[in-house]
Amino acid sequence: MGAQLRVYTQKIKSAQTTKKITKAMELIAASRIQKAQARVAASGPYSRAITRAVSAVATYSNVEHVLTTEPTEIKRAAVVVFTSDRGLAGAFNSQILREANDLTEELRAEGKEVIHFAYGRKAVANFTFRKQPLAGQWVGEAENPTFAAAKEIGEALLESFLKDEADGGVDEIHLVFNRFVSMMTQTPQVLRLLPLEVVEGVEAPDKSEVLPLYEFEPDAATVLDALLPVYIESRIFNALLQSAAAKHAATQKAMKSASDNADKLITDYTRLRNNARQAEITQQISEIVGGADALASS
């Protein structure tokens, strides 16, 4: 019985130590998610302004640009997967990798060749383990992304998109990342980045409203050349911020669940230890009574 008590006591101490760690990680994630949400909100006005500018040029000009023109045939597609650098975030990474795999299978079913770009150590490790080559990879800034990282990714994707097919260029680019919905919900999202799909088009005005007049200097093509790379970088940066906020929320949720499980283990092991102690006491009393009876009868 003494050995059993020691085992339960050790398990209780282990669960208490685990709870301290998970509680600390939960508090750290809770403090970081506020900053991540603020960064997502702060990037909104800039992204919307760039979107309106691109929408105006695309709507009120007849210029055909390589980034906005749908190709006649799409033979090769690129999929950019955004994960975290660390684990301990529940299903955050697994669900995004599953979504990327489903998208890859869908594109291949359409007869397209698929190449992959990976952001985050978990994505890089996944493709390395599966022995799938990567056209580009970035690690180290998943929890606190910078605009410089978004610019670097955007330049690599634009270079790949503008290449000829014979040189390994792609005809379309998809982003796969986790979107922050709430503290309890983070949903995988697939966004086709190129050819450009303007997500906030110019709304149809009322009949009584006078349409604005746009003048492009020096010309619409030059304006698009300047705006579209910035627009792409802002979309990638927004995806990075969304993924970071979703990761912190997933970490907080996972660590809270781990802390609750540790509490349950402590309660269960404490009850078992008490039962074992009571059984030991009962056995000792039985032995004393039995010994006393034996002495009395002798």
C-alpha atoms as a PDB file:
ATOM      1  CA  MET A   1       0.000   0.000   0.000  1.00  0.00           C
ATOM      2  CA  GLY A   2       2.864   2.386   0.784  1.00  0.00           C
ATOM      3  CA  ALA A   3       4.260   2.007  -2.725  1.00  0.00           C
ATOM      4  CA  GLN A   4       0.841   2.704  -4.225  1.00  0.00           C
ATOM      5  CA  LEU A   5       0.523   5.881  -2.161  1.00  0.00           C
ATOM      6  CA  ARG A   6       3.916   7.069  -3.383  1.00  0.00           C
ATOM      7  CA  VAL A   7       2.899   6.421  -6.990  1.00  0.00           C
ATOM      8  CA  TYR A   8      -0.296   8.462  -6.654  1.00  0.00           C
ATOM      9  CA  THR A   9       1.541  11.262  -4.851  1.00  0.00           C
ATOM     10  CA  GLN A  10       4.116  11.441  -7.648  1.00  0.00           C
ATOM     11  CA  LYS A  11       1.401  11.542 -10.294  1.00  0.00           C
ATOM     12  CA  ILE A  12      -0.352  14.375  -8.466  1.00  0.00           C
ATOM     13  CA  LYS A  13       2.895  16.370  -8.336  1.00  0.00           C
ATOM     14  CA  SER A  14       3.482  15.752 -12.074  1.00  0.00           C
ATOM     15  CA  ALA A  15      -0.035  16.928 -12.931  1.00  0.00           C
ATOM     16  CA  GLN A  16       0.412  20.050 -10.776  1.00  0.00           C
ATOM     17  CA  THR A  17       3.701  20.869 -12.522  1.00  0.00           C
ATOM     18  CA  THR A  18       2.071  20.384 -15.922  1.00  0.00           C
ATOM     19  CA  LYS A  19      -0.797  22.647 -14.909  1.00  0.00           C
ATOM     20  CA  LYS A  20       1.618  25.434 -13.952  1.00  0.00           C
ATOM     21  CA  ILE A  21       3.258  25.243 -17.384  1.00  0.00           C
ATOM     22  CA  THR A  22       0.010  25.138 -19.371  1.00  0.00           C
ATOM     23  CA  LYS A  23      -1.502  27.947 -17.287  1.00  0.00           C
ATOM     24  CA  ALA A  24       1.519  30.129 -17.938  1.00  0.00           C
ATOM     25  CA  MET A  25       1.346  29.409 -21.681  1.00  0.00           C
ATOM     26  CA  GLU A  26      -2.382  30.186 -21.660  1.00  0.00           C
ATOM     27  CA  LEU A  27      -1.742  33.595 -20.069  1.00  0.00           C
ATOM     28  CA  ILE A  28       1.076  34.358 -22.515  1.00  0.00           C
ATOM     29  CA  ALA A  29      -1.150  33.506 -25.495  1.00  0.00           C
ATOM     30  CA  ALA A  30      -3.975  35.625 -24.030  1.00  0.00           C
ATOM     31  CA  SER A  31      -1.662  38.631 -23.767  1.00  0.00           C
ATOM     32  CA  ARG A  32      -0.323  38.178 -27.304  1.00  0.00           C
ATOM     33  CA  ILE A  33      -3.687  37.726 -28.979  1.00  0.00           C
ATOM     34  CA  GLN A  34      -4.768  41.243 -28.047  1.00  0.00           C
ATOM     35  CA  LYS A  35      -1.778  42.691 -29.898  1.00  0.00           C
ATOM     36  CA  ALA A  36      -2.381  40.343 -32.846  1.00  0.00           C
ATOM     37  CA  GLN A  37      -6.033  41.405 -33.100  1.00  0.00           C
ATOM     38  CA  ALA A  38      -5.005  45.051 -32.948  1.00  0.00           C
ATOM     39  CA  ARG A  39      -2.552  44.512 -35.818  1.00  0.00           C
ATOM     40  CA  VAL A  40      -5.249  42.820 -37.911  1.00  0.00           C
ATOM     41  CA  ALA A  41      -7.611  45.732 -37.280  1.00  0.00           C
ATOM     42  CA  ALA A  42      -4.893  48.298 -38.010  1.00  0.00           C
ATOM     43  CA  SER A  43      -4.067  46.722 -41.372  1.00  0.00           C
ATOM     44  CA  GLY A  44      -7.701  46.932 -42.491  1.00  0.00           C
ATOM     45  CA  PRO A  45      -7.893  50.628 -43.586  1.00  0.00           C
ATOM     46  CA  TYR A  46      -4.692  50.398 -45.636  1.00  0.00           C
ATOM     47  CA  SER A  47      -5.812  47.174 -47.314  1.00  0.00           C
ATOM     48  CA  ARG A  48      -9.238  48.645 -48.108  1.00  0.00           C
ATOM     49  CA  ALA A  49      -7.689  51.832 -49.534  1.00  0.00           C
ATOM     50  CA  ILE A  50      -5.390  49.842 -51.817  1.00  0.00           C
ATOM     51  CA  THR A  51      -8.331  47.655 -52.856  1.00  0.00           C
ATOM     52  CA  ARG A  52     -10.459  50.676 -53.758  1.00  0.00           C
ATOM     53  CA  ALA A  53      -7.631  52.136 -55.802  1.00  0.00           C
ATOM     54  CA  VAL A  54      -7.103  48.892 -57.720  1.00  0.00           C
ATOM     55  CA  SER A  55     -10.862  48.543 -58.182  1.00  0.00           C
ATOM     56  CA  ALA A  56     -11.079  52.045 -59.651  1.00  0.00           C
ATOM     57  CA  VAL A  57      -8.307  51.408 -62.158  1.00  0.00           C
ATOM     58  CA  ALA A  58      -9.646  47.972 -63.112  1.00  0.00           C
ATOM     59  CA  THR A  59     -13.234  49.220 -63.439  1.00  0.00           C
ATOM     60  CA  TYR A  60     -12.786  52.560 -65.167  1.00  0.00           C
ATOM     61  CA  SER A  61     -10.044  51.619 -67.616  1.00  0.00           C
ATOM     62  CA  ASN A  62      -9.907  49.149 -70.465  1.00  0.00           C
ATOM     63  CA  VAL A  63      -6.243  48.241 -70.065  1.00  0.00           C
ATOM     64  CA  GLU A  64      -5.340  44.555 -70.023  1.00  0.00           C
ATOM     65  CA  HIS A  65      -2.748  43.741 -67.404  1.00  0.00           C
ATOM     66  CA  VAL A  66      -0.935  40.446 -66.955  1.00  0.00           C
ATOM     67  CA  LEU A  67      -1.940  40.264 -63.275  1.00  0.00           C
ATOM     68  CA  THR A  68      -5.640  40.861 -63.889  1.00  0.00           C
ATOM     69  CA  THR A  69      -6.155  38.926 -67.128  1.00  0.00           C
ATOM     70  CA  GLU A  70      -7.440  35.374 -66.851  1.00  0.00           C
ATOM     71  CA  PRO A  71      -5.201  33.016 -68.875  1.00  0.00           C
ATOM     72  CA  THR A  72      -6.809  30.925 -71.596  1.00  0.00           C
ATOM     73  CA  GLU A  73      -5.432  27.725 -70.069  1.00  0.00           C
ATOM     74  CA  ILE A  74      -4.082  27.130 -66.572  1.00  0.00           C
ATOM     75  CA  LYS A  75      -1.433  24.410 -66.560  1.00  0.00           C
ATOM     76  CA  ARG A  76       0.516  25.060 -63.362  1.00  0.00           C
ATOM     77  CA  ALA A  77      -0.740  26.389 -60.025  1.00  0.00           C
ATOM     78  CA  ALA A  78       1.096  27.421 -56.859  1.00  0.00           C
ATOM     79  CA  VAL A  79      -0.241  26.811 -53.350  1.00  0.00           C
ATOM     80  CA  VAL A  80       1.172  28.878 -50.473  1.00  0.00           C
ATOM     81  CA  VAL A  81       0.593  27.233 -47.070  1.00  0.00           C
ATOM     82  CA  PHE A  82       0.727  29.338 -43.883  1.00  0.00           C
ATOM     83  CA  THR A  83       1.312  27.477 -40.602  1.00  0.00           C
ATOM     84  CA  SER A  84       3.013  28.276 -37.299  1.00  0.00           C
ATOM     85  CA  ASP A  85       6.609  27.719 -36.252  1.00  0.00           C
ATOM     86  CA  ARG A  86       5.578  25.904 -33.057  1.00  0.00           C
ATOM     87  CA  GLY A  87       2.992  23.387 -31.986  1.00  0.00           C
ATOM     88  CA  LEU A  88       0.844  23.224 -28.837  1.00  0.00           C
ATOM     89  CA  ALA A  89      -2.028  24.853 -30.730  1.00  0.00           C
ATOM     90  CA  GLY A  90      -4.555  22.047 -31.019  1.00  0.00           C
ATOM     91  CA  ALA A  91      -5.730  21.422 -34.581  1.00  0.00           C
ATOM     92  CA  PHE A  92      -4.391  24.746 -35.890  1.00  0.00           C
ATOM     93  CA  ASN A  93      -1.669  23.275 -38.117  1.00  0.00           C
ATOM     94  CA  SER A  94      -3.315  19.947 -38.943  1.00  0.00           C
ATOM     95  CA  GLN A  95      -6.480  21.551 -40.296  1.00  0.00           C
ATOM     96  CA  ILE A  96      -4.581  23.959 -42.535  1.00  0.00           C
ATOM     97  CA  LEU A  97      -2.363  21.177 -43.874  1.00  0.00           C
ATOM     98  CA  ARG A  98      -5.475  19.073 -44.524  1.00  0.00           C
ATOM     99  CA  GLU A  99      -7.083  22.000 -46.370  1.00  0.00           C
ATOM    100  CA  ALA A 100      -3.941  22.482 -48.462  1.00  0.00           C
ATOM    101  CA  ASN A 101      -3.873  18.779 -49.311  1.00  0.00           C
ATOM    102  CA  ASP A 102      -7.539  18.870 -50.375  1.00  0.00           C
ATOM    103  CA  LEU A 103      -6.887  21.919 -52.565  1.00  0.00           C
ATOM    104  CA  THR A 104      -3.865  20.209 -54.128  1.00  0.00           C
ATOM    105  CA  GLU A 105      -5.914  17.111 -54.968  1.00  0.00           C
ATOM    106  CA  GLU A 106      -8.678  19.283 -56.431  1.00  0.00           C
ATOM    107  CA  LEU A 107      -6.258  21.201 -58.645  1.00  0.00           C
ATOM    108  CA  ARG A 108      -4.581  18.004 -59.827  1.00  0.00           C
ATOM    109  CA  ALA A 109      -7.994  16.533 -60.635  1.00  0.00           C
ATOM    110  CA  GLU A 110      -8.478  19.530 -62.950  1.00  0.00           C
ATOM    111  CA  GLY A 111      -5.295  18.562 -64.792  1.00  0.00           C
ATOM    112  CA  LYS A 112      -3.055  21.222 -63.232  1.00  0.00           C
ATOM    113  CA  GLU A 113       0.486  20.733 -62.006  1.00  0.00           C
ATOM    114  CA  VAL A 114       0.878  21.990 -58.435  1.00  0.00           C
ATOM    115  CA  ILE A 115       3.955  23.475 -56.768  1.00  0.00           C
ATOM    116  CA  HIS A 116       4.104  24.500 -53.112  1.00  0.00           C
ATOM    117  CA  PHE A 117       5.431  27.390 -51.061  1.00  0.00           C
ATOM    118  CA  ALA A 118       5.575  26.999 -47.273  1.00  0.00           C
ATOM    119  CA  TYR A 119       5.521  29.592 -44.508  1.00  0.00           C
ATOM    120  CA  GLY A 120       6.193  28.298 -40.990  1.00  0.00           C
ATOM    121  CA  ARG A 121       8.284  25.422 -39.676  1.00  0.00           C
ATOM    122  CA  LYS A 122       5.304  23.078 -39.395  1.00  0.00           C
ATOM    123  CA  ALA A 123       4.516  23.415 -43.107  1.00  0.00           C
ATOM    124  CA  VAL A 124       8.179  22.981 -44.068  1.00  0.00           C
ATOM    125  CA  ALA A 125       8.464  19.896 -41.840  1.00  0.00           C
ATOM    126  CA  ASN A 126       5.286  18.432 -43.339  1.00  0.00           C
ATOM    127  CA  PHE A 127       6.473  18.714 -46.945  1.00  0.00           C
ATOM    128  CA  THR A 128       9.973  17.558 -46.005  1.00  0.00           C
ATOM    129  CA  PHE A 129       8.569  14.475 -44.272  1.00  0.00           C
ATOM    130  CA  ARG A 130       6.437  13.669 -47.327  1.00  0.00           C
ATOM    131  CA  LYS A 131       9.466  14.273 -49.588  1.00  0.00           C
ATOM    132  CA  GLN A 132       7.622  16.903 -51.594  1.00  0.00           C
ATOM    133  CA  PRO A 133       9.843  19.670 -53.033  1.00  0.00           C
ATOM    134  CA  LEU A 134       9.175  23.300 -52.134  1.00  0.00           C
ATOM    135  CA  ALA A 135       9.557  26.220 -54.511  1.00  0.00           C
ATOM    136  CA  GLY A 136      10.085  28.548 -51.539  1.00  0.00           C
ATOM    137  CA  GLN A 137      10.043  28.473 -47.751  1.00  0.00           C
ATOM    138  CA  TRP A 138      10.088  31.025 -44.934  1.00  0.00           C
ATOM    139  CA  VAL A 139      10.378  30.339 -41.182  1.00  0.00           C
ATOM    140  CA  GLY A 140      10.991  32.200 -37.942  1.00  0.00           C
ATOM    141  CA  GLU A 141       8.357  34.968 -37.959  1.00  0.00           C
ATOM    142  CA  ALA A 142       5.038  33.124 -37.896  1.00  0.00           C
ATOM    143  CA  GLU A 143       3.988  34.371 -34.442  1.00  0.00           C
ATOM    144  CA  ASN A 144       4.979  37.992 -35.071  1.00  0.00           C
ATOM    145  CA  PRO A 145       4.953  38.585 -38.843  1.00  0.00           C
ATOM    146  CA  THR A 146       6.495  41.674 -40.383  1.00  0.00           C
ATOM    147  CA  PHE A 147       5.681  43.528 -43.566  1.00  0.00           C
ATOM    148  CA  ALA A 148       9.200  42.794 -44.783  1.00  0.00           C
ATOM    149  CA  ALA A 149       8.313  39.082 -44.754  1.00  0.00           C
ATOM    150  CA  ALA A 150       5.124  39.787 -46.712  1.00  0.00           C
ATOM    151  CA  LYS A 151       7.125  41.831 -49.220  1.00  0.00           C
ATOM    152  CA  GLU A 152       9.649  39.013 -49.642  1.00  0.00           C
ATOM    153  CA  ILE A 153       6.892  36.451 -50.188  1.00  0.00           C
ATOM    154  CA  GLY A 154       5.073  38.760 -52.606  1.00  0.00           C
ATOM    155  CA  GLU A 155       8.205  39.317 -54.677  1.00  0.00           C
ATOM    156  CA  ALA A 156       8.865  35.575 -54.888  1.00  0.00           C
ATOM    157  CA  LEU A 157       5.286  34.860 -55.940  1.00  0.00           C
ATOM    158  CA  LEU A 158       5.247  37.653 -58.511  1.00  0.00           C
ATOM    159  CA  GLU A 159       8.519  36.428 -59.967  1.00  0.00           C
ATOM    160  CA  SER A 160       7.108  32.919 -60.252  1.00  0.00           C
ATOM    161  CA  PHE A 161       3.878  34.224 -61.809  1.00  0.00           C
ATOM    162  CA  LEU A 162       5.622  36.399 -64.386  1.00  0.00           C
ATOM    163  CA  LYS A 163       7.998  33.619 -65.493  1.00  0.00           C
ATOM    164  CA  ASP A 164       7.352  31.738 -68.693  1.00  0.00           C
ATOM    165  CA  GLU A 165       5.907  28.268 -68.386  1.00  0.00           C
ATOM    166  CA  ALA A 166       9.100  26.770 -69.817  1.00  0.00           C
ATOM    167  CA  ASP A 167      11.113  28.389 -67.001  1.00  0.00           C
ATOM    168  CA  GLY A 168       8.875  26.984 -64.258  1.00  0.00           C
ATOM    169  CA  GLY A 169       6.367  29.821 -64.038  1.00  0.00           C
ATOM    170  CA  VAL A 170       2.834  29.389 -62.700  1.00  0.00           C
ATOM    171  CA  ASP A 171      -0.535  30.493 -64.069  1.00  0.00           C
ATOM    172  CA  GLU A 172      -2.352  30.999 -60.755  1.00  0.00           C
ATOM    173  CA  ILE A 173      -1.503  31.307 -57.052  1.00  0.00           C
ATOM    174  CA  HIS A 174      -3.593  30.240 -54.048  1.00  0.00           C
ATOM    175  CA  LEU A 175      -3.121  31.161 -50.393  1.00  0.00           C
ATOM    176  CA  VAL A 176      -4.181  28.741 -47.646  1.00  0.00           C
ATOM    177  CA  PHE A 177      -4.260  30.155 -44.117  1.00  0.00           C
ATOM    178  CA  ASN A 178      -6.287  30.133 -40.910  1.00  0.00           C
ATOM    179  CA  ARG A 179      -8.656  33.075 -40.532  1.00  0.00           C
ATOM    180  CA  PHE A 180      -9.345  34.438 -37.062  1.00  0.00           C
ATOM    181  CA  VAL A 181     -13.113  34.411 -36.461  1.00  0.00           C
ATOM    182  CA  SER A 182     -13.309  34.460 -32.673  1.00  0.00           C
ATOM    183  CA  MET A 183     -11.429  33.236 -29.631  1.00  0.00           C
ATOM    184  CA  MET A 184     -13.049  29.825 -30.078  1.00  0.00           C
ATOM    185  CA  THR A 185     -13.163  29.592 -33.887  1.00  0.00           C
ATOM    186  CA  GLN A 186     -10.359  29.659 -36.452  1.00  0.00           C
ATOM    187  CA  THR A 187     -11.372  28.514 -39.920  1.00  0.00           C
ATOM    188  CA  PRO A 188      -9.131  27.536 -42.863  1.00  0.00           C
ATOM    189  CA  GLN A 189      -9.519  29.859 -45.826  1.00  0.00           C
ATOM    190  CA  VAL A 190      -8.431  29.481 -49.440  1.00  0.00           C
ATOM    191  CA  LEU A 191      -7.832  32.674 -51.418  1.00  0.00           C
ATOM    192  CA  ARG A 192      -6.849  32.833 -55.061  1.00  0.00           C
ATOM    193  CA  LEU A 193      -4.291  35.606 -55.137  1.00  0.00           C
ATOM    194  CA  LEU A 194      -3.402  35.634 -58.834  1.00  0.00           C
ATOM    195  CA  PRO A 195      -4.775  36.247 -61.408  1.00  0.00           C
ATOM    196  CA  LEU A 196      -6.100  39.080 -59.317  1.00  0.00           C
ATOM    197  CA  GLU A 197      -9.634  38.869 -57.993  1.00  0.00           C
ATOM    198  CA  VAL A 198     -10.598  42.216 -56.530  1.00  0.00           C
ATOM    199  CA  VAL A 199     -12.617  41.319 -53.459  1.00  0.00           C
ATOM    200  CA  GLU A 200     -14.119  44.771 -52.942  1.00  0.00           C
ATOM    201  CA  GLY A 201     -15.352  45.858 -56.322  1.00  0.00           C
ATOM    202  CA  VAL A 202     -16.920  49.208 -57.007  1.00  0.00           C
ATOM    203  CA  GLU A 203     -20.554  48.998 -55.940  1.00  0.00           C
ATOM    204  CA  ALA A 204     -23.262  49.933 -58.392  1.00  0.00           C
ATOM    205  CA  PRO A 205     -24.242  53.563 -57.653  1.00  0.00           C
ATOM    206  CA  ASP A 206     -27.780  54.879 -57.390  1.00  0.00           C
ATOM    207  CA  LYS A 207     -29.318  56.258 -60.541  1.00  0.00           C
ATOM    208  CA  SER A 208     -29.389  59.722 -58.993  1.00  0.00           C
ATOM    209  CA  GLU A 209     -25.697  59.567 -58.080  1.00  0.00           C
ATOM    210  CA  VAL A 210     -23.185  61.196 -60.380  1.00  0.00           C
ATOM    211  CA  LEU A 211     -20.407  58.821 -61.407  1.00  0.00           C
ATOM    212  CA  PRO A 212     -16.896  60.028 -60.546  1.00  0.00           C
ATOM    213  CA  LEU A 213     -14.440  60.851 -63.288  1.00  0.00           C
ATOM    214  CA  TYR A 214     -11.000  59.205 -63.093  1.00  0.00           C
ATOM    215  CA  GLU A 215      -7.825  60.408 -64.733  1.00  0.00           C
ATOM    216  CA  PHE A 216      -4.762  58.176 -64.691  1.00  0.00           C
ATOM    217  CA  GLU A 217      -1.323  59.713 -64.968  1.00  0.00           C
ATOM    218  CA  PRO A 218       0.785  58.883 -66.803  1.00  0.00           C
ATOM    219  CA  ASP A 219      -1.551  56.049 -67.894  1.00  0.00           C
ATOM    220  CA  ALA A 220      -3.665  53.241 -66.439  1.00  0.00           C
ATOM    221  CA  ALA A 221      -1.092  50.527 -67.199  1.00  0.00           C
ATOM    222  CA  THR A 222       1.613  52.368 -65.258  1.00  0.00           C
ATOM    223  CA  VAL A 223      -0.757  52.905 -62.345  1.00  0.00           C
ATOM    224  CA  LEU A 224      -1.576  49.188 -62.295  1.00  0.00           C
ATOM    225  CA  ASP A 225       2.129  48.320 -62.429  1.00  0.00           C
ATOM    226  CA  ALA A 226       2.627  50.381 -59.285  1.00  0.00           C
ATOM    227  CA  LEU A 227      -0.556  49.391 -57.411  1.00  0.00           C
ATOM    228  CA  LEU A 228      -0.840  45.660 -57.984  1.00  0.00           C
ATOM    229  CA  PRO A 229       2.419  44.579 -56.288  1.00  0.00           C
ATOM    230  CA  VAL A 230       1.496  46.719 -53.270  1.00  0.00           C
ATOM    231  CA  TYR A 231      -1.992  45.220 -53.288  1.00  0.00           C
ATOM    232  CA  ILE A 232      -0.585  41.685 -53.369  1.00  0.00           C
ATOM    233  CA  GLU A 233       1.813  42.443 -50.516  1.00  0.00           C
ATOM    234  CA  SER A 234      -1.029  43.871 -48.431  1.00  0.00           C
ATOM    235  CA  ARG A 235      -3.143  40.743 -49.007  1.00  0.00           C
ATOM    236  CA  ILE A 236      -0.250  38.485 -48.021  1.00  0.00           C
ATOM    237  CA  PHE A 237       0.460  40.609 -44.943  1.00  0.00           C
ATOM    238  CA  ASN A 238      -3.195  40.409 -43.937  1.00  0.00           C
ATOM    239  CA  ALA A 239      -3.063  36.611 -44.317  1.00  0.00           C
ATOM    240  CA  LEU A 240       0.050  36.517 -42.098  1.00  0.00           C
ATOM    241  CA  LEU A 241      -1.654  38.636 -39.423  1.00  0.00           C
ATOM    242  CA  GLN A 242      -4.827  36.545 -39.570  1.00  0.00           C
ATOM    243  CA  SER A 243      -2.782  33.364 -39.212  1.00  0.00           C
ATOM    244  CA  ALA A 244      -0.822  34.765 -36.249  1.00  0.00           C
ATOM    245  CA  ALA A 245      -3.984  35.877 -34.428  1.00  0.00           C
ATOM    246  CA  ALA A 246      -5.627  32.506 -35.088  1.00  0.00           C
ATOM    247  CA  LYS A 247      -2.544  30.696 -33.789  1.00  0.00           C
ATOM    248  CA  HIS A 248      -2.516  32.606 -30.501  1.00  0.00           C
ATOM    249  CA  ALA A 249      -6.243  31.944 -30.041  1.00  0.00           C
ATOM    250  CA  ALA A 250      -5.752  28.243 -30.785  1.00  0.00           C
ATOM    251  CA  THR A 251      -2.851  28.087 -28.321  1.00  0.00           C
ATOM    252  CA  GLN A 252      -4.899  29.727 -25.590  1.00  0.00           C
ATOM    253  CA  LYS A 253      -7.781  27.331 -26.186  1.00  0.00           C
ATOM    254  CA  ALA A 254      -5.497  24.282 -26.230  1.00  0.00           C
ATOM    255  CA  MET A 255      -3.650  25.328 -23.068  1.00  0.00           C
ATOM    256  CA  LYS A 256      -6.909  26.027 -21.240  1.00  0.00           C
ATOM    257  CA  SER A 257      -8.111  22.556 -22.169  1.00  0.00           C
ATOM    258  CA  ALA A 258      -4.802  21.100 -20.950  1.00  0.00           C
ATOM    259  CA  SER A 259      -5.108  22.979 -17.648  1.00  0.00           C
ATOM    260  CA  ASP A 260      -8.656  21.683 -17.182  1.00  0.00           C
ATOM    261  CA  ASN A 261      -7.476  18.140 -17.892  1.00  0.00           C
ATOM    262  CA  ALA A 262      -4.671  18.560 -15.344  1.00  0.00           C
ATOM    263  CA  ASP A 263      -7.238  19.656 -12.758  1.00  0.00           C
ATOM    264  CA  LYS A 264      -9.291  16.563 -13.502  1.00  0.00           C
ATOM    265  CA  LEU A 265      -6.232  14.314 -13.168  1.00  0.00           C
ATOM    266  CA  ILE A 266      -5.309  15.919  -9.841  1.00  0.00           C
ATOM    267  CA  THR A 267      -8.847  15.345  -8.564  1.00  0.00           C
ATOM    268  CA  ASP A 268      -8.914  11.715  -9.745  1.00  0.00           C
ATOM    269  CA  TYR A 269      -5.458  10.852  -8.360  1.00  0.00           C
ATOM    270  CA  THR A 270      -6.261  12.578  -5.047  1.00  0.00           C
ATOM    271  CA  ARG A 271      -9.381  10.448  -4.691  1.00  0.00           C
ATOM    272  CA  LEU A 272      -7.426   7.280  -5.524  1.00  0.00           C
ATOM    273  CA  ARG A 273      -4.703   8.231  -3.061  1.00  0.00           C
ATOM    274  CA  ASN A 274      -7.286   8.808  -0.335  1.00  0.00           C
ATOM    275  CA  ASN A 275      -8.892   5.440  -1.094  1.00  0.00           C
ATOM    276  CA  ALA A 276      -5.489   3.741  -0.931  1.00  0.00           C
ATOM    277  CA  ARG A 277      -4.679   5.470   2.371  1.00  0.00           C
ATOM    278  CA  GLN A 278      -8.043   4.433   3.815  1.00  0.00           C
ATOM    279  CA  ALA A 279      -7.480   0.848   2.691  1.00  0.00           C
ATOM    280  CA  GLU A 280      -4.030   0.879   4.308  1.00  0.00           C
ATOM    281  CA  ILE A 281      -5.452   2.197   7.584  1.00  0.00           C
ATOM    282  CA  THR A 282      -8.215  -0.410   7.524  1.00  0.00           C
ATOM    283  CA  GLN A 283      -5.673  -3.165   6.915  1.00  0.00           C
ATOM    284  CA  GLN A 284      -3.480  -1.963   9.775  1.00  0.00           C
ATOM    285  CA  ILE A 285      -6.450  -1.866  12.154  1.00  0.00           C
ATOM    286  CA  SER A 286      -7.446  -5.373  11.051  1.00  0.00           C
ATOM    287  CA  GLU A 287      -3.917  -6.622  11.713  1.00  0.00           C
ATOM    288  CA  ILE A 288      -3.859  -5.026  15.186  1.00  0.00           C
ATOM    289  CA  VAL A 289      -7.248  -6.479  16.090  1.00  0.00           C
ATOM    290  CA  GLY A 290      -6.241  -9.885  14.763  1.00  0.00           C
ATOM    291  CA  GLY A 291      -3.014  -9.800  16.745  1.00  0.00           C
ATOM    292  CA  ALA A 292      -4.840  -8.787  19.896  1.00  0.00           C
ATOM    293  CA  ASP A 293      -7.340 -11.626  19.461  1.00  0.00           C
ATOM    294  CA  ALA A 294      -4.505 -14.092  18.948  1.00  0.00           C
ATOM    295  CA  LEU A 295      -2.751 -12.967  22.108  1.00  0.00           C
ATOM    296  CA  ALA A 296      -5.981 -13.132  24.091  1.00  0.00           C
ATOM    297  CA  SER A 297      -6.794 -16.626  22.905  1.00  0.00           C
ATOM    298  CA  SER A 298      -3.281 -17.892  23.688  1.00  0.00           C
END
